[in-house]
Amino acid sequence: MEFKDRRDAGRKLAAALAGWRGHPGLLVLGLPRGGVPVAWEIAQALGAPLDVLVVRKLGYPGQEEFAMGAIASGGVRFMDDSALAWPVSAAEVEAVVAREQAELVRRERLYRGERAPLALGGRVLLLVDDGLATGATMRAAVMAARAGRPQRIVVAVPVASREAVQSVGTVADEVVSAFTPEHFRAVGLWYQDFGQTSDEEVCRLLAGG
């Protein structure tokens, strides 16, 4: 399976989530930035409200594309023990955390403005991203969302590695991946257009599209 872009991926993923349409208390949470266009399509298809859950990957120093962990709203920090088996000092970790925490705060202020986060208590949450590689970022998102005491957390992505599905499945109640290839390699390889989502697009979609 290959997706034209994130909006196309969202529409295809929404078909796999159709059973949640009309469910009382359903809330779609997109992970900025790339998860928001996917989440917007799902929210539209299911008739559910849309919000964001801001999460930042903690990239391994010198190899930023590899996650050694992630942070999320509410002071959540998840560290991947297997990644930290690589040599990295505590000072290097804290420097990465400080940088990503500053960006997390910037994005929350930009995306929300004066608008308070939607209440999570007792709701069914669909946590949406454009794909799962290691799953570290999504695990932090699930931990952050769990603090809001929802009824159920369903992670939904267009494409994921089998390892990530297994990893995220240990913390989420359910993981839905429209496509889980045997040879995953990278999220962007399964999209024809995987251009970066802008802050402006995220704000526009949160305002209604």
Foldseek 3Di string as FASTA:
>chain_A
DFAAELLRLLQLLLVVVQVCAPPPQEEEEAEPDQFLSSSLNNCVNRVHAYYYWYKAFQADVVGGVDGQAIATPPGFTGGNPVVPVPDDDPVRSVVSVVVRVVVSVVLCCLQQPPNDDDQQAQHEYEYTHQEEEQLRRVLNSLVVSVVSHYPFYEYTYQEYEPNNLVVSVVRHVYYHYVYHDPDRPDSVVRYSDHDHGDSVNSNVSNVPD
